[in-house]
Amino acid sequence: MTSISILTPGWPEYELIDSGDSRKLERFGKYRIVRHEPKAWWRPALPEREWAKAHAAQDEEGRLTVSQKLPDAWSVRLDLSTGNEEPALGITLEARVSQTSRHIGLFPEQAPHWRLVARLGRELRETAGSDAPRPRLLNLFGYTGAASLAAQAGGFSTTHVDASRPAIAWAKRNQELSGLADDPVRFLLDDVVKFVQREKRRGNRYEAILLDPPSFGRGPNREVWKVEGMIRELLHDCRELLSDRARLVLLTMYNIEASALMLGNLMDDVLRGMQGTVSVGELAVPHTAPGAQARFLPRSLFARWER
């Protein structure tokens, strides 16, 4: 494994202004939101009067208080370009706050990985030539589709699997907003474990596989998912879905008692014998408030196999 890395979003449409006392103050587009953040053990850098300027605040239970005019939903744009690509790559994502969920529909710390898959898709298409079949990417636990849309925009033929009907609907709205309706992602409402097992039997293969599993979840038919007891077998099954030209397996995890080194060890074990490099690290977000700029808010662990 290579050394542990910290990856940050670098996304002008998103800003982590401050955090502390189990809260975080963020900006999505032009709207400021306060949300619960159990990892913010420190004191905020900004005075409370600055936090009070937020358009809305969610407490630990997800209860929403709106203090300024805030639409039900709004859009934020992410530039996926890494140089002078023509045409420029980008996706547009819907953000929303509600009384029923603490999530806003996107995880900004994942932006480095969205750019990674877009860049890889473009590289594979350019290497193979326009007449070759498109490289294939499988996104498991795909949520509202940012990674899937970034992959599709970059040139992959993308299959997106999630067990949540509302998440799939949200992902399809993001596809419309991103101008990709004429080049659609294959969205599937399914249990990830069962889908991967069927793909093995069908003999389907992919050049890239993404996994972003929850610690616990249920499939469309109430199938139980527990990451600690099931992720290793799922990764073994995913290995069998890799083509001879496979370039990427990316695993990210939230809210578990683990370290990036654990994920790296797991990836190294499952992909043993395959040429490539495993790297590990954290996805973290820097603060912009004066007095907090040396801080990073840790958000996710990752392990990544590449060749």
Protein backbone atom coordinates (compact mmCIF):
# COMPACT_ATOMS: atom_id res chain seq x y z
CA MET A 1 0.00 0.00 0.00
CA THR A 2 1.06 3.57 -0.60
CA SER A 3 1.01 6.18 2.17
CA ILE A 4 -2.25 7.44 3.69
CA SER A 5 -3.66 10.44 1.83
CA ILE A 6 -6.19 13.15 2.65
CA LEU A 7 -8.33 14.15 -0.34
CA THR A 8 -10.33 17.39 -0.29
CA PRO A 9 -13.18 18.54 -2.56
CA GLY A 10 -11.83 21.69 -4.25
CA TRP A 11 -15.38 22.65 -5.25
CA PRO A 12 -16.33 26.36 -5.46
CA GLU A 13 -20.05 25.58 -5.16
CA TYR A 14 -19.47 23.98 -1.75
CA GLU A 15 -17.84 25.39 1.36
CA LEU A 16 -17.38 24.11 4.90
CA ILE A 17 -17.31 27.41 6.71
CA ASP A 18 -16.98 26.24 10.31
CA SER A 19 -17.66 23.32 12.61
CA GLY A 20 -17.69 22.55 16.31
CA ASP A 21 -19.90 21.53 19.23
CA SER A 22 -21.24 18.65 17.08
CA ARG A 23 -22.42 20.99 14.32
CA LYS A 24 -21.16 22.17 10.95
CA LEU A 25 -21.91 25.32 8.96
CA GLU A 26 -21.86 24.67 5.21
CA ARG A 27 -22.63 26.52 1.99
CA PHE A 28 -24.26 24.73 -0.94
CA GLY A 29 -24.39 27.20 -3.80
CA LYS A 30 -25.64 30.42 -2.23
CA TYR A 31 -27.41 28.81 0.72
CA ARG A 32 -25.92 28.28 4.17
CA ILE A 33 -27.06 25.26 6.16
CA VAL A 34 -26.28 24.15 9.73
CA ARG A 35 -26.29 20.39 10.23
CA HIS A 36 -25.50 17.98 13.02
CA GLU A 37 -21.92 16.64 12.89
CA PRO A 38 -20.91 14.12 15.58
CA LYS A 39 -17.24 14.22 14.54
CA ALA A 40 -16.89 17.94 15.37
CA TRP A 41 -15.59 17.58 18.94
CA TRP A 42 -13.90 21.00 19.05
CA ARG A 43 -15.24 24.51 19.58
CA PRO A 44 -16.43 26.60 16.62
CA ALA A 45 -14.11 29.33 15.39
CA LEU A 46 -16.92 31.75 14.51
CA PRO A 47 -19.24 33.44 17.03
CA GLU A 48 -22.83 32.27 17.24
CA ARG A 49 -24.10 35.36 15.43
CA GLU A 50 -22.36 34.14 12.26
CA TRP A 51 -23.99 30.72 12.56
CA ALA A 52 -27.37 32.41 13.03
CA LYS A 53 -27.10 33.86 9.51
CA ALA A 54 -27.69 30.41 8.02
CA HIS A 55 -30.76 29.94 5.86
CA ALA A 56 -31.70 26.77 7.73
CA ALA A 57 -30.54 24.54 10.57
CA GLN A 58 -31.09 20.87 11.32
CA ASP A 59 -30.74 19.50 14.83
CA GLU A 60 -29.48 16.07 15.87
CA GLU A 61 -32.86 14.49 15.13
CA GLY A 62 -33.10 16.09 11.70
CA ARG A 63 -35.70 18.67 12.74
CA LEU A 64 -35.47 21.66 10.42
CA THR A 65 -35.68 25.34 11.31
CA VAL A 66 -35.75 27.78 8.39
CA SER A 67 -34.69 31.33 9.26
CA GLN A 68 -34.31 32.79 5.76
CA LYS A 69 -36.02 32.14 2.45
CA LEU A 70 -34.93 28.74 1.20
CA PRO A 71 -36.31 26.82 -1.81
CA ASP A 72 -37.44 23.23 -1.47
CA ALA A 73 -34.60 22.25 -3.82
CA TRP A 74 -31.81 23.98 -5.70
CA SER A 75 -28.96 22.96 -8.00
CA VAL A 76 -25.18 23.02 -7.65
CA ARG A 77 -22.75 22.49 -10.52
CA LEU A 78 -19.50 20.52 -10.31
CA ASP A 79 -16.79 20.98 -12.93
CA LEU A 80 -15.18 17.60 -13.59
CA SER A 81 -12.47 18.90 -15.90
CA THR A 82 -8.86 18.46 -14.87
CA GLY A 83 -7.23 20.48 -17.64
CA ASN A 84 -8.20 21.89 -21.02
CA GLU A 85 -10.64 19.14 -22.02
CA GLU A 86 -13.05 19.97 -24.81
CA PRO A 87 -15.91 19.80 -24.28
CA ALA A 88 -15.68 20.64 -20.59
CA LEU A 89 -17.08 17.97 -18.28
CA GLY A 90 -19.53 18.71 -15.51
CA ILE A 91 -22.58 17.48 -13.63
CA THR A 92 -25.41 19.30 -11.90
CA LEU A 93 -26.83 17.96 -8.64
CA GLU A 94 -30.00 18.71 -6.72
CA ALA A 95 -29.65 19.70 -3.07
CA ARG A 96 -32.56 19.82 -0.65
CA VAL A 97 -33.26 19.90 3.08
CA SER A 98 -36.33 18.41 4.69
CA GLN A 99 -37.89 17.37 7.95
CA THR A 100 -37.57 13.70 7.03
CA SER A 101 -33.82 13.35 6.40
CA ARG A 102 -30.54 14.72 7.72
CA HIS A 103 -28.98 14.22 4.30
CA ILE A 104 -28.92 16.94 1.68
CA GLY A 105 -28.55 14.58 -1.29
CA LEU A 106 -24.84 14.79 -1.98
CA PHE A 107 -21.54 14.20 -0.24
CA PRO A 108 -19.13 16.97 -1.33
CA GLU A 109 -16.07 15.23 0.09
CA GLN A 110 -16.50 12.61 -2.67
CA ALA A 111 -15.74 15.17 -5.40
CA PRO A 112 -12.12 13.97 -5.89
CA HIS A 113 -13.43 10.50 -6.71
CA TRP A 114 -16.09 11.87 -9.07
CA ARG A 115 -13.32 13.64 -10.98
CA LEU A 116 -11.23 10.47 -10.91
CA VAL A 117 -13.88 8.31 -12.60
CA ALA A 118 -14.66 11.02 -15.17
CA ARG A 119 -10.97 11.29 -16.03
CA LEU A 120 -10.56 7.52 -16.22
CA GLY A 121 -13.58 7.17 -18.48
CA ARG A 122 -12.24 9.76 -20.87
CA GLU A 123 -8.79 8.17 -20.84
CA LEU A 124 -10.16 4.71 -21.63
CA ARG A 125 -12.36 6.03 -24.44
CA GLU A 126 -9.49 7.94 -26.02
CA THR A 127 -7.14 4.96 -25.75
CA ALA A 128 -9.62 2.48 -27.24
CA GLY A 129 -10.88 4.75 -30.00
CA SER A 130 -14.38 5.93 -30.85
CA ASP A 131 -15.36 2.68 -32.60
CA ALA A 132 -14.58 0.47 -29.59
CA PRO A 133 -17.25 -0.51 -27.05
CA ARG A 134 -17.49 1.90 -24.15
CA PRO A 135 -15.74 0.86 -20.94
CA ARG A 136 -18.16 -0.30 -18.26
CA LEU A 137 -18.46 0.93 -14.68
CA LEU A 138 -20.58 -0.57 -11.91
CA ASN A 139 -21.61 1.71 -9.04
CA LEU A 140 -22.93 -0.22 -6.03
CA PHE A 141 -24.90 1.60 -3.31
CA GLY A 142 -25.05 4.49 -5.78
CA TYR A 143 -27.36 6.80 -3.73
CA THR A 144 -28.33 9.94 -5.69
CA GLY A 145 -26.00 9.21 -8.55
CA ALA A 146 -23.18 11.76 -8.54
CA ALA A 147 -20.45 9.17 -9.15
CA SER A 148 -22.56 7.41 -11.78
CA LEU A 149 -23.20 10.64 -13.66
CA ALA A 150 -19.55 11.66 -13.47
CA ALA A 151 -18.60 8.28 -14.93
CA GLN A 152 -21.21 8.55 -17.69
CA ALA A 153 -20.11 12.10 -18.54
CA GLY A 154 -16.53 10.86 -18.79
CA GLY A 155 -17.40 8.12 -21.26
CA PHE A 156 -18.25 5.02 -19.24
CA SER A 157 -21.33 2.91 -19.83
CA THR A 158 -22.55 3.03 -16.25
CA THR A 159 -24.74 0.69 -14.20
CA HIS A 160 -26.02 2.17 -10.94
CA VAL A 161 -27.52 -0.08 -8.26
CA ASP A 162 -29.28 1.08 -5.10
CA ALA A 163 -31.99 -0.38 -2.86
CA SER A 164 -33.76 2.95 -2.25
CA ARG A 165 -36.54 3.98 -4.63
CA PRO A 166 -36.35 7.68 -3.54
CA ALA A 167 -32.58 7.69 -4.11
CA ILE A 168 -33.02 6.28 -7.62
CA ALA A 169 -35.64 8.92 -8.39
CA TRP A 170 -33.29 11.63 -7.11
CA ALA A 171 -30.46 10.24 -9.26
CA LYS A 172 -32.69 10.42 -12.33
CA ARG A 173 -33.48 14.08 -11.56
CA ASN A 174 -29.74 14.72 -11.33
CA GLN A 175 -29.32 13.05 -14.71
CA GLU A 176 -31.85 15.46 -16.24
CA LEU A 177 -30.18 18.45 -14.58
CA SER A 178 -26.80 17.30 -15.88
CA GLY A 179 -28.00 17.10 -19.48
CA LEU A 180 -27.38 13.36 -19.69
CA ALA A 181 -30.93 12.20 -20.40
CA ASP A 182 -29.96 11.33 -23.99
CA ASP A 183 -27.04 9.21 -22.73
CA PRO A 184 -28.65 7.62 -19.70
CA VAL A 185 -27.14 5.68 -16.85
CA ARG A 186 -28.65 2.23 -16.31
CA PHE A 187 -30.41 2.75 -12.97
CA LEU A 188 -31.46 -0.41 -11.12
CA LEU A 189 -33.53 -0.71 -7.94
CA ASP A 190 -32.08 -3.90 -6.50
CA ASP A 191 -30.33 -5.60 -3.62
CA VAL A 192 -26.61 -5.15 -4.28
CA VAL A 193 -25.54 -8.60 -3.09
CA LYS A 194 -28.14 -10.42 -5.19
CA PHE A 195 -27.40 -8.26 -8.23
CA VAL A 196 -23.66 -8.97 -8.10
CA GLN A 197 -24.30 -12.70 -7.80
CA ARG A 198 -26.55 -12.59 -10.87
CA GLU A 199 -23.94 -10.62 -12.80
CA LYS A 200 -21.40 -13.36 -12.04
CA ARG A 201 -23.73 -16.00 -13.47
CA ARG A 202 -24.44 -13.85 -16.53
CA GLY A 203 -20.72 -13.41 -17.18
CA ASN A 204 -20.86 -9.61 -17.25
CA ARG A 205 -17.58 -7.79 -16.68
CA TYR A 206 -16.57 -4.23 -15.81
CA GLU A 207 -13.50 -2.04 -16.11
CA ALA A 208 -14.29 -0.17 -12.87
CA ILE A 209 -16.34 -0.92 -9.76
CA LEU A 210 -17.33 1.56 -7.04
CA LEU A 211 -18.73 0.58 -3.64
CA ASP A 212 -20.03 3.03 -1.04
CA PRO A 213 -21.88 0.78 1.41
CA PRO A 214 -23.78 1.90 4.50
CA SER A 215 -22.96 0.26 7.80
CA PHE A 216 -26.49 -1.18 7.86
CA GLY A 217 -29.30 -1.22 5.35
CA ARG A 218 -32.13 -3.16 3.76
CA GLY A 219 -32.79 -4.16 0.20
CA PRO A 220 -36.03 -3.57 -1.73
CA ASN A 221 -37.45 -6.82 -0.31
CA ARG A 222 -36.16 -6.20 3.22
CA GLU A 223 -32.88 -8.04 2.64
CA VAL A 224 -30.46 -7.19 5.46
CA TRP A 225 -27.07 -5.62 4.81
CA LYS A 226 -24.42 -5.46 7.58
CA VAL A 227 -21.09 -4.18 6.38
CA GLU A 228 -18.85 -5.89 8.96
CA GLY A 229 -20.01 -9.39 8.12
CA MET A 230 -20.72 -8.99 4.41
CA ILE A 231 -18.27 -6.60 2.75
CA ARG A 232 -15.44 -9.12 2.29
CA GLU A 233 -17.63 -11.63 0.46
CA LEU A 234 -19.13 -8.86 -1.67
CA LEU A 235 -15.65 -7.68 -2.65
CA HIS A 236 -14.67 -11.25 -3.57
CA ASP A 237 -17.74 -11.45 -5.80
CA CYS A 238 -16.85 -8.08 -7.33
CA ARG A 239 -13.38 -9.36 -8.18
CA GLU A 240 -15.03 -11.92 -10.44
CA LEU A 241 -16.78 -9.09 -12.28
CA LEU A 242 -13.52 -7.37 -13.24
CA SER A 243 -12.53 -7.60 -16.88
CA ASP A 244 -9.02 -8.27 -18.14
CA ARG A 245 -8.80 -4.52 -18.78
CA ALA A 246 -10.01 -3.49 -15.30
CA ARG A 247 -8.47 -0.30 -13.96
CA LEU A 248 -10.24 0.63 -10.73
CA VAL A 249 -11.94 -0.73 -7.61
CA LEU A 250 -12.92 1.99 -5.15
CA LEU A 251 -14.33 1.35 -1.68
CA THR A 252 -15.51 4.17 0.60
CA MET A 253 -17.08 3.84 4.04
CA TYR A 254 -18.78 6.09 6.57
CA ASN A 255 -19.77 5.75 10.20
CA ILE A 256 -17.98 2.53 11.05
CA GLU A 257 -15.39 1.60 13.65
CA ALA A 258 -12.54 1.14 11.22
CA SER A 259 -9.47 2.80 9.78
CA ALA A 260 -8.29 3.39 6.25
CA LEU A 261 -5.59 0.79 6.87
CA MET A 262 -8.27 -1.82 7.57
CA LEU A 263 -9.90 -1.09 4.23
CA GLY A 264 -6.53 -1.22 2.52
CA ASN A 265 -5.71 -4.57 4.09
CA LEU A 266 -9.07 -5.90 2.95
CA MET A 267 -8.57 -4.65 -0.60
CA ASP A 268 -5.04 -6.07 -0.70
CA ASP A 269 -6.33 -9.46 0.49
CA VAL A 270 -9.26 -9.67 -1.91
CA LEU A 271 -7.28 -8.54 -4.97
CA ARG A 272 -4.15 -10.52 -4.16
CA GLY A 273 -2.42 -11.70 -7.32
CA MET A 274 -3.81 -8.90 -9.48
CA GLN A 275 -1.28 -6.43 -10.80
CA GLY A 276 -1.97 -2.96 -9.45
CA THR A 277 -1.55 -0.61 -6.51
CA VAL A 278 -3.71 -0.16 -3.42
CA SER A 279 -3.87 3.33 -1.89
CA VAL A 280 -5.78 4.35 1.22
CA GLY A 281 -6.79 7.52 2.96
CA GLU A 282 -9.52 9.81 4.20
CA LEU A 283 -11.91 12.13 2.44
CA ALA A 284 -11.91 15.32 4.48
CA VAL A 285 -13.09 18.89 4.10
CA PRO A 286 -11.04 21.98 5.01
CA HIS A 287 -12.63 24.93 6.79
CA THR A 288 -12.70 28.49 5.43
CA ALA A 289 -13.52 30.47 8.60
CA PRO A 290 -10.67 32.56 10.02
CA GLY A 291 -9.18 30.65 12.93
CA ALA A 292 -10.32 27.28 11.56
CA GLN A 293 -8.36 27.06 8.32
CA ALA A 294 -5.85 24.57 9.71
CA ARG A 295 -8.65 22.11 10.51
CA PHE A 296 -10.01 19.28 8.40
CA LEU A 297 -13.36 17.64 9.06
CA PRO A 298 -12.98 13.88 8.45
CA ARG A 299 -15.87 12.47 6.46
CA SER A 300 -15.03 9.09 4.94
CA LEU A 301 -12.41 6.37 4.63
CA PHE A 302 -11.36 4.95 1.30
CA ALA A 303 -9.27 2.20 -0.25
CA ARG A 304 -8.55 2.25 -3.97
CA TRP A 305 -7.03 -0.35 -6.29
CA GLU A 306 -5.72 0.99 -9.59
CA ARG A 307 -3.58 -0.12 -12.48
